[in-house]
Amino acid sequence: MTDPFTIRQEVRRKLIHMSTAVVGLCMLWVEPGIMRWITLTMAILFPLLDLGRRKIAFFARIYASLFKSVTRPFEEKHITSAAIMFVSMAITVWLFSPTIAAAALLFTSVGDAAAAIVGRSLGQTRIGKKTLEGTLAFLSCTICIALLIPNLAARIGILGAVGAGLVELIPIPHVDDNLSVPILSALIMTISGGIL
């Protein structure tokens, strides 16, 4: 199925997506217990609002006025990637150390945006549904993030960044990458930290 999104819509959607980087950054400086409860609250609230916009006209009107132009056609009658992102944030923050959770969430919010924008605007070399150019943009961003995260060993961060890139490039069927990328990259970093 061809995605009818224009580059402008994609950029706007990904700028909203990148705003979730705030949660990853907060993991570095805010008390982890506070962040756990904040993300759990968002993981409950946003899917409920998402359900509400499909069932209640009032919520549907508010949603349409704010996000209609950045909603993909398949999300019209299904849960949005944004709601899934909030659930994955909570899972990542609750299951992994603050440093690893921060890296994994930043990989997802910044890397995914870079991959989508570069892939759509400059992508020429197709790899399945993705592009080589988008994947390289993803890897460039996530490796830079890995090297900038305080108290994260470079080798572990880079392994997580590469793992995130592979999950982004070769998606798990029927699993939104907003769920798979942070959780699997955090798992890779956690396991790598125990081995390396």
C-alpha atoms as a PDB file:
ATOM      1  CA  MET A   1       0.000   0.000   0.000  1.00  0.00           C
ATOM      2  CA  THR A   2       1.365   3.432  -0.944  1.00  0.00           C
ATOM      3  CA  ASP A   3       1.496   5.998   1.835  1.00  0.00           C
ATOM      4  CA  PRO A   4      -0.217   9.176   0.573  1.00  0.00           C
ATOM      5  CA  PHE A   5       1.626  11.442   3.031  1.00  0.00           C
ATOM      6  CA  THR A   6       3.438  14.438   1.550  1.00  0.00           C
ATOM      7  CA  ILE A   7       6.920  15.394   2.726  1.00  0.00           C
ATOM      8  CA  ARG A   8       5.408  18.368   4.569  1.00  0.00           C
ATOM      9  CA  GLN A   9       2.964  16.127   6.453  1.00  0.00           C
ATOM     10  CA  GLU A  10       5.753  13.684   7.266  1.00  0.00           C
ATOM     11  CA  VAL A  11       7.983  16.461   8.628  1.00  0.00           C
ATOM     12  CA  ARG A  12       5.139  17.787  10.780  1.00  0.00           C
ATOM     13  CA  ARG A  13       4.319  14.292  12.054  1.00  0.00           C
ATOM     14  CA  LYS A  14       7.958  13.589  12.878  1.00  0.00           C
ATOM     15  CA  LEU A  15       8.443  16.921  14.642  1.00  0.00           C
ATOM     16  CA  ILE A  16       5.579  15.911  16.937  1.00  0.00           C
ATOM     17  CA  HIS A  17       7.212  12.479  17.265  1.00  0.00           C
ATOM     18  CA  MET A  18      10.549  14.110  18.180  1.00  0.00           C
ATOM     19  CA  SER A  19       8.885  16.029  21.003  1.00  0.00           C
ATOM     20  CA  THR A  20       8.762  12.728  22.902  1.00  0.00           C
ATOM     21  CA  ALA A  21      12.549  13.067  23.238  1.00  0.00           C
ATOM     22  CA  VAL A  22      11.720  15.139  26.316  1.00  0.00           C
ATOM     23  CA  VAL A  23      10.922  11.906  28.180  1.00  0.00           C
ATOM     24  CA  GLY A  24      14.276  10.378  27.224  1.00  0.00           C
ATOM     25  CA  LEU A  25      16.111  13.528  28.329  1.00  0.00           C
ATOM     26  CA  CYS A  26      14.174  13.659  31.596  1.00  0.00           C
ATOM     27  CA  MET A  27      15.358  10.116  32.350  1.00  0.00           C
ATOM     28  CA  LEU A  28      18.869  11.554  32.666  1.00  0.00           C
ATOM     29  CA  TRP A  29      18.035  14.268  35.199  1.00  0.00           C
ATOM     30  CA  VAL A  30      14.696  13.565  36.880  1.00  0.00           C
ATOM     31  CA  GLU A  31      14.247  11.067  39.716  1.00  0.00           C
ATOM     32  CA  PRO A  32      13.531   7.683  38.029  1.00  0.00           C
ATOM     33  CA  GLY A  33      10.603   6.946  40.359  1.00  0.00           C
ATOM     34  CA  ILE A  34       8.872  10.143  39.280  1.00  0.00           C
ATOM     35  CA  MET A  35       9.446   9.325  35.603  1.00  0.00           C
ATOM     36  CA  ARG A  36       8.024   5.837  36.085  1.00  0.00           C
ATOM     37  CA  TRP A  37       4.750   7.228  37.394  1.00  0.00           C
ATOM     38  CA  ILE A  38       4.589   9.979  34.783  1.00  0.00           C
ATOM     39  CA  THR A  39       5.092   7.508  31.921  1.00  0.00           C
ATOM     40  CA  LEU A  40       2.622   5.035  33.426  1.00  0.00           C
ATOM     41  CA  THR A  41       0.027   7.799  33.625  1.00  0.00           C
ATOM     42  CA  MET A  42       0.667   8.725  29.969  1.00  0.00           C
ATOM     43  CA  ALA A  43       0.520   5.044  28.959  1.00  0.00           C
ATOM     44  CA  ILE A  44      -2.975   4.819  30.425  1.00  0.00           C
ATOM     45  CA  LEU A  45      -4.274   8.276  29.495  1.00  0.00           C
ATOM     46  CA  PHE A  46      -3.224   8.520  25.835  1.00  0.00           C
ATOM     47  CA  PRO A  47      -4.607   5.149  24.672  1.00  0.00           C
ATOM     48  CA  LEU A  48      -7.869   6.015  26.473  1.00  0.00           C
ATOM     49  CA  LEU A  49      -7.999   9.363  24.648  1.00  0.00           C
ATOM     50  CA  ASP A  50      -7.186   7.539  21.421  1.00  0.00           C
ATOM     51  CA  LEU A  51     -10.091   5.178  22.024  1.00  0.00           C
ATOM     52  CA  GLY A  52     -12.289   8.134  22.962  1.00  0.00           C
ATOM     53  CA  ARG A  53     -11.671   9.939  19.667  1.00  0.00           C
ATOM     54  CA  ARG A  54     -13.004   6.861  17.848  1.00  0.00           C
ATOM     55  CA  LYS A  55     -16.070   6.461  20.061  1.00  0.00           C
ATOM     56  CA  ILE A  56     -17.068   9.954  21.272  1.00  0.00           C
ATOM     57  CA  ALA A  57     -17.826  12.804  18.846  1.00  0.00           C
ATOM     58  CA  PHE A  58     -16.497  15.515  21.197  1.00  0.00           C
ATOM     59  CA  PHE A  59     -13.052  13.867  21.386  1.00  0.00           C
ATOM     60  CA  ALA A  60     -13.140  13.146  17.664  1.00  0.00           C
ATOM     61  CA  ARG A  61     -13.606  16.860  16.891  1.00  0.00           C
ATOM     62  CA  ILE A  62     -10.760  17.906  19.185  1.00  0.00           C
ATOM     63  CA  TYR A  63      -8.471  15.239  17.750  1.00  0.00           C
ATOM     64  CA  ALA A  64      -9.345  16.191  14.168  1.00  0.00           C
ATOM     65  CA  SER A  65      -8.619  19.874  14.781  1.00  0.00           C
ATOM     66  CA  LEU A  66      -5.191  19.090  16.267  1.00  0.00           C
ATOM     67  CA  PHE A  67      -3.897  15.943  14.573  1.00  0.00           C
ATOM     68  CA  LYS A  68      -6.011  15.031  11.534  1.00  0.00           C
ATOM     69  CA  SER A  69      -3.359  16.229   9.072  1.00  0.00           C
ATOM     70  CA  VAL A  70      -0.668  14.003  10.635  1.00  0.00           C
ATOM     71  CA  THR A  71      -2.770  10.879  11.119  1.00  0.00           C
ATOM     72  CA  ARG A  72      -2.022   8.072   8.704  1.00  0.00           C
ATOM     73  CA  PRO A  73      -5.073   6.544   6.963  1.00  0.00           C
ATOM     74  CA  PHE A  74      -4.743   3.198   8.787  1.00  0.00           C
ATOM     75  CA  GLU A  75      -4.802   5.034  12.137  1.00  0.00           C
ATOM     76  CA  GLU A  76      -8.230   6.504  11.476  1.00  0.00           C
ATOM     77  CA  LYS A  77      -9.943   3.387  12.845  1.00  0.00           C
ATOM     78  CA  HIS A  78      -7.090   1.903  14.870  1.00  0.00           C
ATOM     79  CA  ILE A  79      -4.837   2.894  17.721  1.00  0.00           C
ATOM     80  CA  THR A  80      -2.308   5.518  16.651  1.00  0.00           C
ATOM     81  CA  SER A  81       1.449   5.088  16.711  1.00  0.00           C
ATOM     82  CA  ALA A  82       1.547   7.958  19.213  1.00  0.00           C
ATOM     83  CA  ALA A  83      -0.537   6.006  21.755  1.00  0.00           C
ATOM     84  CA  ILE A  84       1.698   2.973  21.225  1.00  0.00           C
ATOM     85  CA  MET A  85       4.729   5.201  21.788  1.00  0.00           C
ATOM     86  CA  PHE A  86       3.448   6.221  25.227  1.00  0.00           C
ATOM     87  CA  VAL A  87       2.913   2.580  26.179  1.00  0.00           C
ATOM     88  CA  SER A  88       6.426   1.669  25.026  1.00  0.00           C
ATOM     89  CA  MET A  89       7.868   4.578  27.019  1.00  0.00           C
ATOM     90  CA  ALA A  90       6.316   3.259  30.203  1.00  0.00           C
ATOM     91  CA  ILE A  91       7.493  -0.310  29.549  1.00  0.00           C
ATOM     92  CA  THR A  92      11.036   0.891  28.801  1.00  0.00           C
ATOM     93  CA  VAL A  93      11.207   3.191  31.826  1.00  0.00           C
ATOM     94  CA  TRP A  94       9.843   0.540  34.206  1.00  0.00           C
ATOM     95  CA  LEU A  95      11.964  -2.370  32.951  1.00  0.00           C
ATOM     96  CA  PHE A  96      15.379  -0.826  32.319  1.00  0.00           C
ATOM     97  CA  SER A  97      17.937   1.352  34.063  1.00  0.00           C
ATOM     98  CA  PRO A  98      17.459   5.126  33.648  1.00  0.00           C
ATOM     99  CA  THR A  99      20.557   5.487  31.443  1.00  0.00           C
ATOM    100  CA  ILE A 100      19.569   2.661  29.111  1.00  0.00           C
ATOM    101  CA  ALA A 101      15.928   3.779  29.028  1.00  0.00           C
ATOM    102  CA  ALA A 102      17.042   7.317  28.136  1.00  0.00           C
ATOM    103  CA  ALA A 103      19.176   6.070  25.244  1.00  0.00           C
ATOM    104  CA  ALA A 104      16.488   3.717  23.924  1.00  0.00           C
ATOM    105  CA  LEU A 105      13.774   6.389  24.029  1.00  0.00           C
ATOM    106  CA  LEU A 106      16.023   8.927  22.312  1.00  0.00           C
ATOM    107  CA  PHE A 107      16.914   6.370  19.633  1.00  0.00           C
ATOM    108  CA  THR A 108      13.204   6.005  18.928  1.00  0.00           C
ATOM    109  CA  SER A 109      12.145   9.642  18.973  1.00  0.00           C
ATOM    110  CA  VAL A 110      15.113  11.190  17.151  1.00  0.00           C
ATOM    111  CA  GLY A 111      16.318   8.271  15.020  1.00  0.00           C
ATOM    112  CA  ASP A 112      12.887   7.413  13.670  1.00  0.00           C
ATOM    113  CA  ALA A 113      12.230  11.047  12.738  1.00  0.00           C
ATOM    114  CA  ALA A 114      15.578  11.341  10.943  1.00  0.00           C
ATOM    115  CA  ALA A 115      15.007   8.075   9.056  1.00  0.00           C
ATOM    116  CA  ALA A 116      11.534   9.079   7.901  1.00  0.00           C
ATOM    117  CA  ILE A 117      12.433  12.609   6.806  1.00  0.00           C
ATOM    118  CA  VAL A 118      15.682  11.656   5.030  1.00  0.00           C
ATOM    119  CA  GLY A 119      14.174   8.485   3.578  1.00  0.00           C
ATOM    120  CA  ARG A 120      11.193  10.336   2.107  1.00  0.00           C
ATOM    121  CA  SER A 121      13.076  13.363   0.836  1.00  0.00           C
ATOM    122  CA  LEU A 122      16.378  11.822  -0.311  1.00  0.00           C
ATOM    123  CA  GLY A 123      15.809   8.079  -0.329  1.00  0.00           C
ATOM    124  CA  GLN A 124      16.652   6.341  -3.599  1.00  0.00           C
ATOM    125  CA  THR A 125      17.910   2.891  -2.622  1.00  0.00           C
ATOM    126  CA  ARG A 126      15.015   0.723  -1.459  1.00  0.00           C
ATOM    127  CA  ILE A 127      15.462  -1.972   1.178  1.00  0.00           C
ATOM    128  CA  GLY A 128      12.019  -3.523   1.528  1.00  0.00           C
ATOM    129  CA  LYS A 129       9.721  -0.700   2.637  1.00  0.00           C
ATOM    130  CA  LYS A 130      12.640   1.413   3.873  1.00  0.00           C
ATOM    131  CA  THR A 131      15.526   3.198   2.182  1.00  0.00           C
ATOM    132  CA  LEU A 132      19.263   2.911   2.657  1.00  0.00           C
ATOM    133  CA  GLU A 133      19.493   6.678   3.066  1.00  0.00           C
ATOM    134  CA  GLY A 134      16.857   6.695   5.815  1.00  0.00           C
ATOM    135  CA  THR A 135      18.581   3.823   7.603  1.00  0.00           C
ATOM    136  CA  LEU A 136      21.948   5.609   7.458  1.00  0.00           C
ATOM    137  CA  ALA A 137      20.304   8.752   8.873  1.00  0.00           C
ATOM    138  CA  PHE A 138      18.818   6.661  11.671  1.00  0.00           C
ATOM    139  CA  LEU A 139      22.181   5.058  12.478  1.00  0.00           C
ATOM    140  CA  SER A 140      24.051   8.369  12.336  1.00  0.00           C
ATOM    141  CA  CYS A 141      21.644   9.976  14.816  1.00  0.00           C
ATOM    142  CA  THR A 142      21.448   7.031  17.185  1.00  0.00           C
ATOM    143  CA  ILE A 143      25.204   6.461  17.313  1.00  0.00           C
ATOM    144  CA  CYS A 144      25.706  10.166  18.101  1.00  0.00           C
ATOM    145  CA  ILE A 145      23.074   9.888  20.837  1.00  0.00           C
ATOM    146  CA  ALA A 146      24.769   6.756  22.227  1.00  0.00           C
ATOM    147  CA  LEU A 147      28.095   8.587  22.461  1.00  0.00           C
ATOM    148  CA  LEU A 148      26.524  11.587  24.217  1.00  0.00           C
ATOM    149  CA  ILE A 149      24.569   9.756  26.926  1.00  0.00           C
ATOM    150  CA  PRO A 150      26.326  10.244  30.279  1.00  0.00           C
ATOM    151  CA  ASN A 151      27.428   7.040  32.048  1.00  0.00           C
ATOM    152  CA  LEU A 152      26.695   4.826  29.028  1.00  0.00           C
ATOM    153  CA  ALA A 153      29.722   2.888  27.796  1.00  0.00           C
ATOM    154  CA  ALA A 154      30.291   3.732  24.123  1.00  0.00           C
ATOM    155  CA  ARG A 155      30.463   0.097  22.980  1.00  0.00           C
ATOM    156  CA  ILE A 156      27.164  -0.724  24.714  1.00  0.00           C
ATOM    157  CA  GLY A 157      25.449   2.378  23.375  1.00  0.00           C
ATOM    158  CA  ILE A 158      26.656   1.702  19.840  1.00  0.00           C
ATOM    159  CA  LEU A 159      25.426  -1.895  20.016  1.00  0.00           C
ATOM    160  CA  GLY A 160      22.035  -0.578  21.129  1.00  0.00           C
ATOM    161  CA  ALA A 161      22.013   2.007  18.321  1.00  0.00           C
ATOM    162  CA  VAL A 162      22.853  -0.620  15.694  1.00  0.00           C
ATOM    163  CA  GLY A 163      20.239  -2.968  17.163  1.00  0.00           C
ATOM    164  CA  ALA A 164      17.664  -0.166  17.009  1.00  0.00           C
ATOM    165  CA  GLY A 165      18.635   0.462  13.384  1.00  0.00           C
ATOM    166  CA  LEU A 166      18.164  -3.189  12.482  1.00  0.00           C
ATOM    167  CA  VAL A 167      14.755  -3.311  14.165  1.00  0.00           C
ATOM    168  CA  GLU A 168      13.795  -0.121  12.309  1.00  0.00           C
ATOM    169  CA  LEU A 169      15.056  -1.511   8.980  1.00  0.00           C
ATOM    170  CA  ILE A 170      13.577  -5.009   9.346  1.00  0.00           C
ATOM    171  CA  PRO A 171      10.343  -4.492  11.267  1.00  0.00           C
ATOM    172  CA  ILE A 172       8.681  -7.266  13.222  1.00  0.00           C
ATOM    173  CA  PRO A 173       5.415  -8.127  11.409  1.00  0.00           C
ATOM    174  CA  HIS A 174       2.318  -6.604  13.035  1.00  0.00           C
ATOM    175  CA  VAL A 175       4.405  -4.823  15.722  1.00  0.00           C
ATOM    176  CA  ASP A 176       4.660  -1.027  15.639  1.00  0.00           C
ATOM    177  CA  ASP A 177       8.304   0.086  15.635  1.00  0.00           C
ATOM    178  CA  ASN A 178       7.488   2.624  18.348  1.00  0.00           C
ATOM    179  CA  LEU A 179       7.079  -0.427  20.577  1.00  0.00           C
ATOM    180  CA  SER A 180       9.828  -2.695  19.238  1.00  0.00           C
ATOM    181  CA  VAL A 181      12.691  -0.205  18.781  1.00  0.00           C
ATOM    182  CA  PRO A 182      12.977   1.129  22.351  1.00  0.00           C
ATOM    183  CA  ILE A 183      12.306  -2.170  24.099  1.00  0.00           C
ATOM    184  CA  LEU A 184      14.613  -4.291  21.947  1.00  0.00           C
ATOM    185  CA  SER A 185      17.425  -1.727  21.861  1.00  0.00           C
ATOM    186  CA  ALA A 186      17.214  -1.394  25.662  1.00  0.00           C
ATOM    187  CA  LEU A 187      17.296  -5.180  25.968  1.00  0.00           C
ATOM    188  CA  ILE A 188      20.367  -5.360  23.720  1.00  0.00           C
ATOM    189  CA  MET A 189      22.166  -2.723  25.814  1.00  0.00           C
ATOM    190  CA  THR A 190      21.202  -4.444  29.087  1.00  0.00           C
ATOM    191  CA  ILE A 191      22.434  -7.839  27.900  1.00  0.00           C
ATOM    192  CA  SER A 192      25.574  -6.281  26.407  1.00  0.00           C
ATOM    193  CA  GLY A 193      26.304  -4.545  29.708  1.00  0.00           C
ATOM    194  CA  GLY A 194      26.245  -7.894  31.477  1.00  0.00           C
ATOM    195  CA  ILE A 195      28.511  -9.555  28.901  1.00  0.00           C
ATOM    196  CA  LEU A 196      31.023  -6.859  27.900  1.00  0.00           C
END
